[in-house]
Amino acid sequence: MKKIFKYSLVLMGILAMAACSEDKLETQPTDAVSGTTLFSDAKAAMVPLNGLYRSMYTSGWSTTGNTHQCFGVSAYALASEVMGDDFIMGAQGSGWFWFDAAYNIKGRAHLSSWRSYDLWYAHYTWIANANYVIAAEDEMGGSTEDIHYVVGQAYAVRAYSYFQLAQWFARTYKGHESEPCVPIYTEPTFKTTTGQPRSTVAEVYAQIDKDIARALELLEGTTLKDKTHMGYATTLGLASRIALVEEKWADAQKYADAAIKASKCSIAPAATIKGMNNVDYSDVMWGAKIVSDQAGMYASLFAHMDPAVSYALRAPKQISKWLYAKMGQSDTRRAWWNPNHQLNTYDDAGNVLSGYQQEKFAFSNVATWEGDYIWMRVEEMYFNAAEAACRLGDEAAAKKYLMAVMSQRDPSYTCNKTGTAMGKLTTDETGSLLEEIIIQKRIELWGEFGRTFDIRRLKQGFQRTAAQGWPSGLLLPKRPTANPENYMWVVTIPQAEFDGNTNMDISKDQNPAGDE
């Protein structure tokens, strides 16, 4: 199996990353391909996990080109953001992320330098490495807590990776349970491993749920050693995200509430976290500390976001005028965008774009290219819990969660709304409490989360207009953006998978190349 063999060999590359990032390296796996015992103890098993986490923010390893838009978790969130309705690219610039925003990536699945291959290869690499750690659990030495900490993380990483793959390569869970999703691998893979066929959406989510449950069982009671690690609180947060997609509202609220408590994080003032570049903020649950010798330079999140850097200057990132207007005059988050910043960019008709330039993200030190990546904040958990409580009919609890955030964002904010009605389009307002929760979440997590994932699970369509600030090249007038069931945002599977997997037939198993 060409593909599977490739993933098994990647373990050595991940170990090399770990060796570069660790001050001390005592024990390494002896054989990543033959199937012999990999780890003598939990400390040794942490080596590939540290390398795996480093690969989550490192560019240049998951594709053969376009590496400046392929830098792990933050890149995939940004790609999902630009595909949505709130996050505007004011111009094409150097081209990075423009093809995602224009929904012009599905026809490039035969190339190893574009989004399909990058997503597939990165997440299956993380799955493969997690599988090695999980397989070594019974023979792993060390204290019970150390073993639980390491193996629990491996289960969490595997759940996260399958969750991401399911959201990119299949339609959303609810209503599409029997549709094809992605292949499942839960054992170490070798040169002779037979490739698996696509499992259904329901089967993949069943595996995700099983992995999350096991991760939580192992991680509960362990001590988080680094915010880059997927510890107990982060895994609870991931479980909450997954439960929202599955429409398991009670679970979503339970996990979000538990994540808030377990994280010991507190909601941070908007002014404090402006820059979104420090994992030591009080609200950060999961993120990566980026030191200067590991900085991606131009191949990094802030190169595409920081208005002081050429990439971001040529392709300015803006909030839609519709969403910006949803903030009250005293909302402190207004400082995250500058509506008066005149940008020297033009649409195809020659009109000046005076969009609402983002100032939410910036390097902490542009001279050294430093700036931490933040992947989960506790504020998200409050919004998740608020939505779930609202869905369950407990509007008092929903408003309590909502106000926990909003009282620290806007001293004048009040909410007397009720109900769960949602518009057909994301800009069709119903005035419901659920809609208000979602809108405030959209503002709070702008640029962070991957907006299209929420659009899809909420079964809404969207519309881009020049009045919102969109350039004409991204208006998508002939695309079915108003249809929440379309295949526009279901990515095609890379050709390399079909070349190496005898159980996948491109004529039967490829996702639709078109929108419908």
Protein backbone atom coordinates (compact mmCIF):
# COMPACT_ATOMS: atom_id res chain seq x y z
CA MET A 1 0.00 0.00 0.00
CA LYS A 2 1.84 3.07 -1.22
CA LYS A 3 -0.24 5.53 0.77
CA ILE A 4 -0.25 3.58 4.02
CA PHE A 5 3.48 2.86 3.84
CA LYS A 6 4.08 6.54 3.35
CA TYR A 7 2.16 7.40 6.49
CA SER A 8 3.95 4.77 8.57
CA LEU A 9 7.32 6.16 7.53
CA VAL A 10 6.22 9.66 8.49
CA LEU A 11 6.67 8.65 12.14
CA MET A 12 10.41 9.05 11.70
CA GLY A 13 9.94 12.55 10.32
CA ILE A 14 7.69 13.44 13.25
CA LEU A 15 10.33 12.11 15.63
CA ALA A 16 12.92 14.32 13.96
CA MET A 17 10.66 17.30 14.59
CA ALA A 18 10.37 16.28 18.22
CA ALA A 19 14.10 15.91 18.59
CA CYS A 20 14.59 19.43 17.28
CA SER A 21 12.03 20.87 19.67
CA GLU A 22 13.03 19.04 22.88
CA ASP A 23 15.96 20.02 25.10
CA LYS A 24 16.36 16.44 26.27
CA LEU A 25 15.65 13.28 24.33
CA GLU A 26 16.28 10.04 26.16
CA THR A 27 14.45 7.19 24.42
CA GLN A 28 13.11 6.72 20.91
CA PRO A 29 11.05 3.99 19.25
CA THR A 30 13.31 1.33 17.77
CA ASP A 31 11.23 0.31 14.76
CA ALA A 32 8.44 2.33 13.13
CA VAL A 33 7.68 -0.11 10.32
CA SER A 34 8.08 -3.71 11.48
CA GLY A 35 5.43 -3.64 14.18
CA THR A 36 7.71 -4.41 17.12
CA THR A 37 7.30 -2.62 20.44
CA LEU A 38 7.67 1.08 19.81
CA PHE A 39 7.97 2.69 23.21
CA SER A 40 9.67 1.47 26.35
CA ASP A 41 7.85 3.94 28.57
CA ALA A 42 5.48 6.89 28.54
CA LYS A 43 8.29 9.45 28.33
CA ALA A 44 9.51 7.84 25.12
CA ALA A 45 5.97 7.83 23.75
CA MET A 46 5.71 11.57 24.37
CA VAL A 47 8.50 12.16 21.85
CA PRO A 48 6.43 11.50 18.69
CA LEU A 49 3.47 13.30 20.25
CA ASN A 50 5.59 16.42 20.76
CA GLY A 51 6.73 16.13 17.17
CA LEU A 52 3.15 15.66 16.06
CA TYR A 53 2.09 18.82 17.88
CA ARG A 54 4.94 20.72 16.27
CA SER A 55 3.78 19.56 12.86
CA MET A 56 0.41 21.15 13.67
CA TYR A 57 1.99 24.58 13.19
CA THR A 58 4.88 23.82 10.83
CA SER A 59 4.72 24.42 7.07
CA GLY A 60 6.52 22.58 4.32
CA TRP A 61 5.93 18.96 5.28
CA SER A 62 2.32 18.20 4.28
CA THR A 63 2.40 19.29 0.63
CA THR A 64 4.88 19.54 -2.21
CA GLY A 65 4.03 23.19 -2.88
CA ASN A 66 1.96 26.17 -1.82
CA THR A 67 3.48 25.72 1.61
CA HIS A 68 2.83 29.33 2.57
CA GLN A 69 -0.85 28.46 2.94
CA CYS A 70 -0.31 25.06 4.53
CA PHE A 71 0.84 25.49 8.13
CA GLY A 72 -1.39 23.11 10.03
CA VAL A 73 -4.34 23.73 12.31
CA SER A 74 -4.45 27.52 11.90
CA ALA A 75 -4.23 27.24 8.11
CA TYR A 76 -7.18 24.86 7.96
CA ALA A 77 -9.26 27.13 10.19
CA LEU A 78 -8.35 30.11 8.01
CA ALA A 79 -9.27 28.22 4.84
CA SER A 80 -12.69 27.43 6.30
CA GLU A 81 -13.09 31.07 7.38
CA VAL A 82 -12.44 32.50 3.91
CA MET A 83 -14.96 30.05 2.44
CA GLY A 84 -17.75 31.54 4.53
CA ASP A 85 -19.71 34.75 4.87
CA ASP A 86 -18.00 36.87 7.53
CA PHE A 87 -14.32 36.78 6.63
CA ILE A 88 -13.50 38.83 3.54
CA MET A 89 -10.33 38.77 1.47
CA GLY A 90 -10.20 42.25 0.01
CA ALA A 91 -7.94 41.21 -2.86
CA GLN A 92 -6.16 38.17 -4.29
CA GLY A 93 -2.68 39.31 -3.30
CA SER A 94 -0.17 36.52 -3.72
CA GLY A 95 -3.00 34.03 -4.19
CA TRP A 96 -2.75 32.25 -0.86
CA PHE A 97 -6.24 31.24 0.39
CA TRP A 98 -7.89 33.04 -2.55
CA PHE A 99 -8.67 29.75 -4.28
CA ASP A 100 -10.32 28.49 -1.08
CA ALA A 101 -12.40 31.69 -0.86
CA ALA A 102 -13.38 31.36 -4.53
CA TYR A 103 -14.26 27.65 -4.17
CA ASN A 104 -11.72 26.81 -6.83
CA ILE A 105 -9.84 23.88 -5.30
CA LYS A 106 -11.88 20.76 -6.12
CA GLY A 107 -10.44 20.41 -9.61
CA ARG A 108 -6.90 20.31 -8.24
CA ALA A 109 -7.17 17.02 -6.36
CA HIS A 110 -4.69 15.41 -8.75
CA LEU A 111 -1.96 17.74 -7.47
CA SER A 112 -0.03 17.20 -4.24
CA SER A 113 0.42 20.93 -3.72
CA TRP A 114 -3.18 21.94 -3.07
CA ARG A 115 -5.75 21.85 -0.30
CA SER A 116 -7.17 18.36 -0.88
CA TYR A 117 -3.83 16.62 -0.55
CA ASP A 118 -2.69 18.84 2.30
CA LEU A 119 -5.80 18.14 4.39
CA TRP A 120 -5.80 14.41 3.68
CA TYR A 121 -2.10 13.80 4.18
CA ALA A 122 -1.75 15.92 7.33
CA HIS A 123 -4.69 14.43 9.20
CA TYR A 124 -3.95 10.84 8.23
CA THR A 125 -0.34 11.38 9.27
CA TRP A 126 -1.53 12.49 12.70
CA ILE A 127 -3.88 9.49 12.84
CA ALA A 128 -1.06 7.11 11.91
CA ASN A 129 1.22 8.46 14.60
CA ALA A 130 -1.57 8.39 17.19
CA ASN A 131 -2.22 4.75 16.28
CA TYR A 132 1.39 3.81 17.10
CA VAL A 133 1.08 5.33 20.58
CA ILE A 134 -2.30 3.72 21.23
CA ALA A 135 -1.03 0.31 20.12
CA ALA A 136 1.83 0.50 22.62
CA GLU A 137 -0.41 1.14 25.65
CA ASP A 138 -0.40 -2.37 27.09
CA GLU A 139 3.39 -2.69 26.95
CA MET A 140 4.21 0.88 27.97
CA GLY A 141 6.15 1.40 31.17
CA GLY A 142 5.91 4.34 33.53
CA SER A 143 3.48 5.63 36.11
CA THR A 144 -0.24 5.17 35.53
CA GLU A 145 -0.75 8.93 35.24
CA ASP A 146 2.06 9.29 32.68
CA ILE A 147 0.67 6.45 30.57
CA HIS A 148 -2.86 7.83 30.76
CA TYR A 149 -1.61 11.30 29.83
CA VAL A 150 0.23 10.09 26.74
CA VAL A 151 -2.28 7.54 25.46
CA GLY A 152 -5.23 9.79 26.23
CA GLN A 153 -3.71 12.48 24.05
CA ALA A 154 -3.27 10.00 21.21
CA TYR A 155 -6.97 9.14 21.34
CA ALA A 156 -7.83 12.85 21.40
CA VAL A 157 -5.59 13.57 18.41
CA ARG A 158 -7.18 10.73 16.47
CA ALA A 159 -10.68 11.97 17.30
CA TYR A 160 -9.73 15.51 16.29
CA SER A 161 -8.23 14.34 13.00
CA TYR A 162 -11.23 12.22 11.99
CA PHE A 163 -13.55 15.07 12.99
CA GLN A 164 -11.68 17.44 10.69
CA LEU A 165 -11.60 14.93 7.83
CA ALA A 166 -15.33 14.30 8.19
CA GLN A 167 -16.11 18.01 8.01
CA TRP A 168 -13.97 18.60 4.93
CA PHE A 169 -14.62 15.44 2.90
CA ALA A 170 -18.33 14.77 3.57
CA ARG A 171 -21.54 16.64 4.16
CA THR A 172 -22.47 17.49 7.72
CA TYR A 173 -23.49 14.69 10.09
CA LYS A 174 -27.21 15.27 10.61
CA GLY A 175 -29.27 14.02 7.68
CA HIS A 176 -26.28 12.49 5.92
CA GLU A 177 -25.38 9.66 8.26
CA SER A 178 -25.46 6.97 5.56
CA GLU A 179 -23.36 8.89 3.03
CA PRO A 180 -19.70 8.02 2.38
CA CYS A 181 -17.12 9.74 4.55
CA VAL A 182 -13.46 8.71 4.92
CA PRO A 183 -11.56 5.44 5.57
CA ILE A 184 -10.98 4.45 9.19
CA TYR A 185 -7.64 3.16 10.49
CA THR A 186 -7.23 2.31 14.18
CA GLU A 187 -4.12 0.12 14.04
CA PRO A 188 -0.51 0.87 13.08
CA THR A 189 -0.02 0.82 9.32
CA PHE A 190 2.82 -0.83 7.43
CA LYS A 191 3.95 -1.44 3.88
CA THR A 192 1.67 -4.48 3.62
CA THR A 193 -1.41 -2.83 5.17
CA THR A 194 -4.50 -3.02 2.98
CA GLY A 195 -6.17 0.31 2.34
CA GLN A 196 -9.67 0.67 3.75
CA PRO A 197 -12.81 1.72 1.84
CA ARG A 198 -14.73 4.83 2.76
CA SER A 199 -16.78 4.38 5.91
CA THR A 200 -20.12 6.14 6.28
CA VAL A 201 -20.53 9.44 8.06
CA ALA A 202 -22.25 7.63 10.94
CA GLU A 203 -19.42 5.11 11.23
CA VAL A 204 -16.76 7.80 11.30
CA TYR A 205 -18.61 9.78 13.97
CA ALA A 206 -19.10 6.58 15.97
CA GLN A 207 -15.31 6.14 15.93
CA ILE A 208 -14.84 9.78 16.91
CA ASP A 209 -17.24 9.37 19.83
CA LYS A 210 -15.50 6.19 20.95
CA ASP A 211 -12.09 7.87 20.82
CA ILE A 212 -13.33 10.94 22.69
CA ALA A 213 -14.84 8.78 25.43
CA ARG A 214 -11.59 6.84 25.84
CA ALA A 215 -9.50 10.03 25.78
CA LEU A 216 -11.61 11.61 28.52
CA GLU A 217 -11.47 8.44 30.60
CA LEU A 218 -7.68 8.41 30.47
CA LEU A 219 -7.03 12.14 30.74
CA GLU A 220 -9.31 12.89 33.68
CA GLY A 221 -7.17 13.55 36.71
CA THR A 222 -3.96 14.12 34.75
CA THR A 223 -2.04 17.39 34.87
CA LEU A 224 -1.64 19.42 31.68
CA LYS A 225 2.06 19.91 30.97
CA ASP A 226 1.86 22.25 27.99
CA LYS A 227 -0.97 24.19 26.35
CA THR A 228 -0.04 22.62 23.01
CA HIS A 229 -1.05 19.23 24.38
CA MET A 230 -4.60 17.96 24.04
CA GLY A 231 -5.26 17.58 27.74
CA TYR A 232 -8.48 16.90 29.59
CA ALA A 233 -10.05 20.36 29.26
CA THR A 234 -9.18 20.69 25.56
CA THR A 235 -10.62 17.25 24.87
CA LEU A 236 -13.82 18.27 26.66
CA GLY A 237 -13.92 21.33 24.41
CA LEU A 238 -13.47 19.13 21.34
CA ALA A 239 -16.25 16.84 22.60
CA SER A 240 -18.52 19.88 22.83
CA ARG A 241 -17.76 20.87 19.24
CA ILE A 242 -18.50 17.35 18.04
CA ALA A 243 -21.75 17.09 20.00
CA LEU A 244 -23.02 20.31 18.40
CA VAL A 245 -22.47 18.81 14.94
CA GLU A 246 -24.23 15.62 16.03
CA GLU A 247 -27.05 17.72 17.54
CA LYS A 248 -26.59 16.01 20.89
CA TRP A 249 -27.52 19.15 22.80
CA ALA A 250 -27.35 17.75 26.33
CA ASP A 251 -23.86 16.39 25.66
CA ALA A 252 -22.77 19.65 24.06
CA GLN A 253 -23.79 21.62 27.14
CA LYS A 254 -22.34 19.06 29.54
CA TYR A 255 -18.97 18.96 27.81
CA ALA A 256 -18.76 22.74 27.35
CA ASP A 257 -19.62 23.37 30.98
CA ALA A 258 -17.09 20.78 32.12
CA ALA A 259 -14.44 22.30 29.83
CA ILE A 260 -14.96 25.72 31.39
CA LYS A 261 -14.47 24.31 34.88
CA ALA A 262 -11.60 21.94 34.03
CA SER A 263 -9.63 24.52 32.06
CA LYS A 264 -9.59 27.01 34.92
CA CYS A 265 -9.52 29.63 32.17
CA SER A 266 -11.25 32.97 32.50
CA ILE A 267 -12.79 35.23 29.87
CA ALA A 268 -10.17 37.76 28.86
CA PRO A 269 -10.86 41.45 28.13
CA ALA A 270 -11.07 42.20 24.40
CA ALA A 271 -8.31 44.79 24.70
CA THR A 272 -6.00 42.31 26.40
CA ILE A 273 -6.25 39.64 23.74
CA LYS A 274 -6.09 41.99 20.73
CA GLY A 275 -3.33 40.51 18.58
CA MET A 276 -4.50 36.97 19.34
CA ASN A 277 -0.88 35.92 19.64
CA ASN A 278 -0.17 34.72 23.19
CA VAL A 279 -1.09 31.32 24.62
CA ASP A 280 -0.55 32.74 28.10
CA TYR A 281 -3.77 34.74 27.86
CA SER A 282 -6.15 33.74 30.64
CA ASP A 283 -8.73 32.41 28.15
CA VAL A 284 -6.54 30.12 26.05
CA MET A 285 -7.32 26.42 26.38
CA TRP A 286 -5.25 25.09 23.47
CA GLY A 287 -2.56 26.66 21.35
CA ALA A 288 1.08 26.58 20.30
CA LYS A 289 3.91 28.69 21.68
CA ILE A 290 5.93 29.85 18.66
CA VAL A 291 9.55 30.67 19.42
CA SER A 292 11.73 32.52 16.94
CA ASP A 293 13.66 29.52 15.64
CA GLN A 294 10.39 27.70 14.89
CA ALA A 295 8.59 30.67 13.32
CA GLY A 296 7.18 30.09 9.86
CA MET A 297 8.03 33.60 8.65
CA TYR A 298 5.87 34.18 5.56
CA ALA A 299 4.47 30.65 5.85
CA SER A 300 2.50 31.54 8.96
CA LEU A 301 -0.90 32.73 10.14
CA PHE A 302 0.21 36.25 11.01
CA ALA A 303 1.94 36.79 7.67
CA HIS A 304 -1.53 36.51 6.16
CA MET A 305 -3.25 38.54 8.87
CA ASP A 306 -0.97 41.24 10.29
CA PRO A 307 -1.68 44.49 8.38
CA ALA A 308 1.98 45.47 8.72
CA VAL A 309 3.18 42.51 6.63
CA SER A 310 3.23 42.45 2.83
CA TYR A 311 1.09 39.32 2.36
CA ALA A 312 -1.71 40.80 4.45
CA LEU A 313 -1.30 44.22 2.85
CA ARG A 314 -1.78 42.78 -0.62
CA ALA A 315 -4.70 40.60 0.48
CA PRO A 316 -6.35 42.50 3.37
CA LYS A 317 -8.56 40.52 5.72
CA GLN A 318 -11.82 42.23 6.65
CA ILE A 319 -14.99 41.60 8.59
CA SER A 320 -18.25 41.88 6.66
CA LYS A 321 -20.01 45.19 7.23
CA TRP A 322 -23.21 43.30 8.11
CA LEU A 323 -21.55 41.45 10.98
CA TYR A 324 -19.63 44.49 12.22
CA ALA A 325 -22.91 46.39 12.50
CA LYS A 326 -24.19 43.79 14.98
CA MET A 327 -21.84 45.14 17.64
CA GLY A 328 -23.13 47.85 19.94
CA GLN A 329 -21.35 51.18 20.09
CA SER A 330 -19.83 50.27 23.45
CA ASP A 331 -18.72 46.77 22.41
CA THR A 332 -15.00 46.61 23.12
CA ARG A 333 -14.49 44.11 20.29
CA ARG A 334 -14.91 46.98 17.83
CA ALA A 335 -11.21 47.64 18.43
CA TRP A 336 -10.46 44.38 16.63
CA TRP A 337 -11.37 46.03 13.31
CA ASN A 338 -10.79 49.46 11.77
CA PRO A 339 -13.74 50.65 9.64
CA ASN A 340 -11.97 53.90 8.78
CA HIS A 341 -8.82 52.36 7.35
CA GLN A 342 -8.80 53.17 3.62
CA LEU A 343 -7.10 50.32 1.83
CA ASN A 344 -5.25 50.83 -1.43
CA THR A 345 -7.08 47.99 -3.13
CA TYR A 346 -9.71 48.03 -5.83
CA ASP A 347 -12.41 45.76 -7.11
CA ASP A 348 -12.66 44.75 -10.76
CA ALA A 349 -14.77 47.83 -11.53
CA GLY A 350 -12.11 50.15 -10.14
CA ASN A 351 -13.97 51.04 -6.94
CA VAL A 352 -11.92 51.67 -3.82
CA LEU A 353 -12.44 49.02 -1.16
CA SER A 354 -12.77 50.70 2.22
CA GLY A 355 -13.48 47.49 4.05
CA TYR A 356 -13.37 46.96 7.77
CA GLN A 357 -9.73 46.02 8.14
CA GLN A 358 -8.89 43.44 10.79
CA GLU A 359 -6.53 44.37 13.61
CA LYS A 360 -7.50 41.39 15.76
CA PHE A 361 -4.48 39.30 14.68
CA ALA A 362 -0.88 40.52 14.65
CA PHE A 363 2.63 39.25 15.30
CA SER A 364 3.77 39.69 18.87
CA ASN A 365 7.17 40.56 17.41
CA VAL A 366 7.14 41.13 13.67
CA ALA A 367 10.93 41.50 13.56
CA THR A 368 11.40 37.91 14.73
CA TRP A 369 8.18 36.59 13.15
CA GLU A 370 6.91 35.51 16.56
CA GLY A 371 3.28 35.08 17.54
CA ASP A 372 1.60 32.12 19.23
CA TYR A 373 -1.22 30.17 17.58
CA ILE A 374 -4.46 29.97 19.53
CA TRP A 375 -6.70 27.03 18.66
CA MET A 376 -9.33 27.04 21.40
CA ARG A 377 -10.50 29.75 23.82
CA VAL A 378 -12.83 29.36 26.75
CA GLU A 379 -15.23 31.94 25.28
CA GLU A 380 -16.17 29.36 22.65
CA MET A 381 -17.30 27.00 25.41
CA TYR A 382 -19.71 29.61 26.79
CA PHE A 383 -21.27 30.05 23.36
CA ASN A 384 -21.47 26.28 22.84
CA ALA A 385 -23.19 25.84 26.19
CA ALA A 386 -25.52 28.77 25.46
CA GLU A 387 -26.59 27.30 22.13
CA ALA A 388 -27.13 23.84 23.61
CA ALA A 389 -29.17 25.18 26.54
CA CYS A 390 -31.27 27.25 24.16
CA ARG A 391 -31.93 24.19 21.99
CA LEU A 392 -33.01 22.30 25.11
CA GLY A 393 -35.49 25.02 26.02
CA ASP A 394 -33.56 26.34 29.02
CA GLU A 395 -33.43 29.97 27.94
CA ALA A 396 -32.47 31.22 31.39
CA ALA A 397 -29.31 29.09 31.33
CA ALA A 398 -28.64 30.07 27.70
CA LYS A 399 -28.76 33.76 28.58
CA LYS A 400 -26.55 33.21 31.62
CA TYR A 401 -23.83 31.65 29.46
CA LEU A 402 -24.25 34.36 26.84
CA MET A 403 -24.07 37.17 29.37
CA ALA A 404 -20.95 35.70 30.95
CA VAL A 405 -19.11 36.72 27.78
CA MET A 406 -21.11 39.74 26.72
CA SER A 407 -20.95 41.46 30.10
CA GLN A 408 -17.19 41.64 29.54
CA ARG A 409 -17.53 42.79 25.96
CA ASP A 410 -20.24 45.44 26.11
CA PRO A 411 -21.37 47.05 29.38
CA SER A 412 -24.59 48.18 27.69
CA TYR A 413 -25.49 44.76 26.29
CA THR A 414 -28.84 43.21 27.15
CA CYS A 415 -30.76 40.33 25.63
CA ASN A 416 -34.49 39.76 25.95
CA LYS A 417 -34.82 37.55 22.90
CA THR A 418 -36.42 34.13 22.87
CA GLY A 419 -36.88 31.14 20.59
CA THR A 420 -34.77 29.07 18.22
CA ALA A 421 -35.83 30.25 14.76
CA MET A 422 -33.01 30.61 12.23
CA GLY A 423 -33.16 32.24 8.80
CA LYS A 424 -32.66 30.42 5.54
CA LEU A 425 -29.60 32.58 4.87
CA THR A 426 -27.09 33.61 7.53
CA THR A 427 -28.14 37.24 7.01
CA ASP A 428 -31.91 36.53 7.22
CA GLU A 429 -32.74 37.73 10.71
CA THR A 430 -35.48 36.17 12.82
CA GLY A 431 -34.76 37.96 16.09
CA SER A 432 -34.51 34.72 18.07
CA LEU A 433 -32.31 34.00 21.06
CA LEU A 434 -30.54 31.19 19.21
CA GLU A 435 -29.73 33.53 16.34
CA GLU A 436 -28.35 36.10 18.80
CA ILE A 437 -26.07 33.49 20.38
CA ILE A 438 -24.76 32.45 16.97
CA ILE A 439 -24.20 36.06 15.85
CA GLN A 440 -22.21 36.91 18.97
CA LYS A 441 -20.19 33.73 18.51
CA ARG A 442 -19.47 34.77 14.92
CA ILE A 443 -18.10 38.09 16.13
CA GLU A 444 -16.11 36.63 19.01
CA LEU A 445 -14.50 33.79 17.04
CA TRP A 446 -14.03 35.66 13.74
CA GLY A 447 -10.92 34.30 12.03
CA GLU A 448 -10.34 31.57 14.61
CA PHE A 449 -12.71 28.68 14.33
CA GLY A 450 -13.58 27.80 10.74
CA ARG A 451 -16.88 29.51 10.03
CA THR A 452 -18.15 27.17 7.30
CA PHE A 453 -18.26 24.28 9.75
CA ASP A 454 -20.99 26.11 11.67
CA ILE A 455 -22.81 27.21 8.52
CA ARG A 456 -23.02 23.61 7.40
CA ARG A 457 -24.25 22.12 10.67
CA LEU A 458 -26.81 24.93 11.06
CA LYS A 459 -28.14 24.08 7.57
CA GLN A 460 -28.08 27.70 6.41
CA GLY A 461 -27.10 29.21 3.10
CA PHE A 462 -25.18 32.43 2.71
CA GLN A 463 -24.88 35.30 0.25
CA ARG A 464 -21.93 37.57 -0.44
CA THR A 465 -22.60 41.10 -1.63
CA ALA A 466 -20.56 44.14 -2.54
CA ALA A 467 -22.48 46.06 0.13
CA GLN A 468 -20.96 43.78 2.77
CA GLY A 469 -17.50 44.62 1.42
CA TRP A 470 -16.82 41.63 -0.83
CA PRO A 471 -14.71 42.13 -3.97
CA SER A 472 -16.44 41.15 -7.18
CA GLY A 473 -14.09 38.21 -7.71
CA LEU A 474 -15.50 36.46 -4.64
CA LEU A 475 -19.23 37.22 -4.97
CA LEU A 476 -19.94 33.75 -6.42
CA PRO A 477 -23.08 34.87 -8.31
CA LYS A 478 -23.45 31.59 -10.21
CA ARG A 479 -22.75 29.26 -7.30
CA PRO A 480 -25.46 27.70 -5.06
CA THR A 481 -24.35 29.37 -1.85
CA ALA A 482 -27.98 29.70 -0.72
CA ASN A 483 -28.41 25.90 -0.71
CA PRO A 484 -27.15 24.39 2.57
CA GLU A 485 -27.19 20.91 1.06
CA ASN A 486 -24.83 21.68 -1.81
CA TYR A 487 -21.48 20.00 -2.41
CA MET A 488 -19.58 23.25 -2.93
CA TRP A 489 -17.74 22.88 0.34
CA VAL A 490 -17.18 19.12 0.22
CA VAL A 491 -13.57 18.74 -0.89
CA THR A 492 -12.52 16.17 -3.47
CA ILE A 493 -10.32 13.30 -2.29
CA PRO A 494 -6.73 13.53 -3.56
CA GLN A 495 -5.75 11.40 -6.53
CA ALA A 496 -2.88 9.92 -4.52
CA GLU A 497 -5.37 8.05 -2.33
CA PHE A 498 -6.94 6.31 -5.30
CA ASP A 499 -3.49 5.52 -6.72
CA GLY A 500 -2.47 3.72 -3.52
CA ASN A 501 -5.70 2.25 -2.14
CA THR A 502 -7.12 -0.77 -3.95
CA ASN A 503 -10.35 -0.47 -1.96
CA MET A 504 -11.18 2.93 -3.37
CA ASP A 505 -12.37 3.39 -6.95
CA ILE A 506 -12.23 6.95 -8.25
CA SER A 507 -15.23 6.36 -10.50
CA LYS A 508 -17.38 5.40 -7.50
CA ASP A 509 -15.73 6.91 -4.44
CA GLN A 510 -14.72 10.41 -5.49
CA ASN A 511 -16.76 13.31 -4.14
CA PRO A 512 -18.74 15.30 -6.70
CA ALA A 513 -16.53 17.62 -8.72
CA GLY A 514 -19.41 20.05 -9.12
CA ASP A 515 -21.57 21.94 -6.67
CA GLU A 516 -24.68 19.75 -6.68
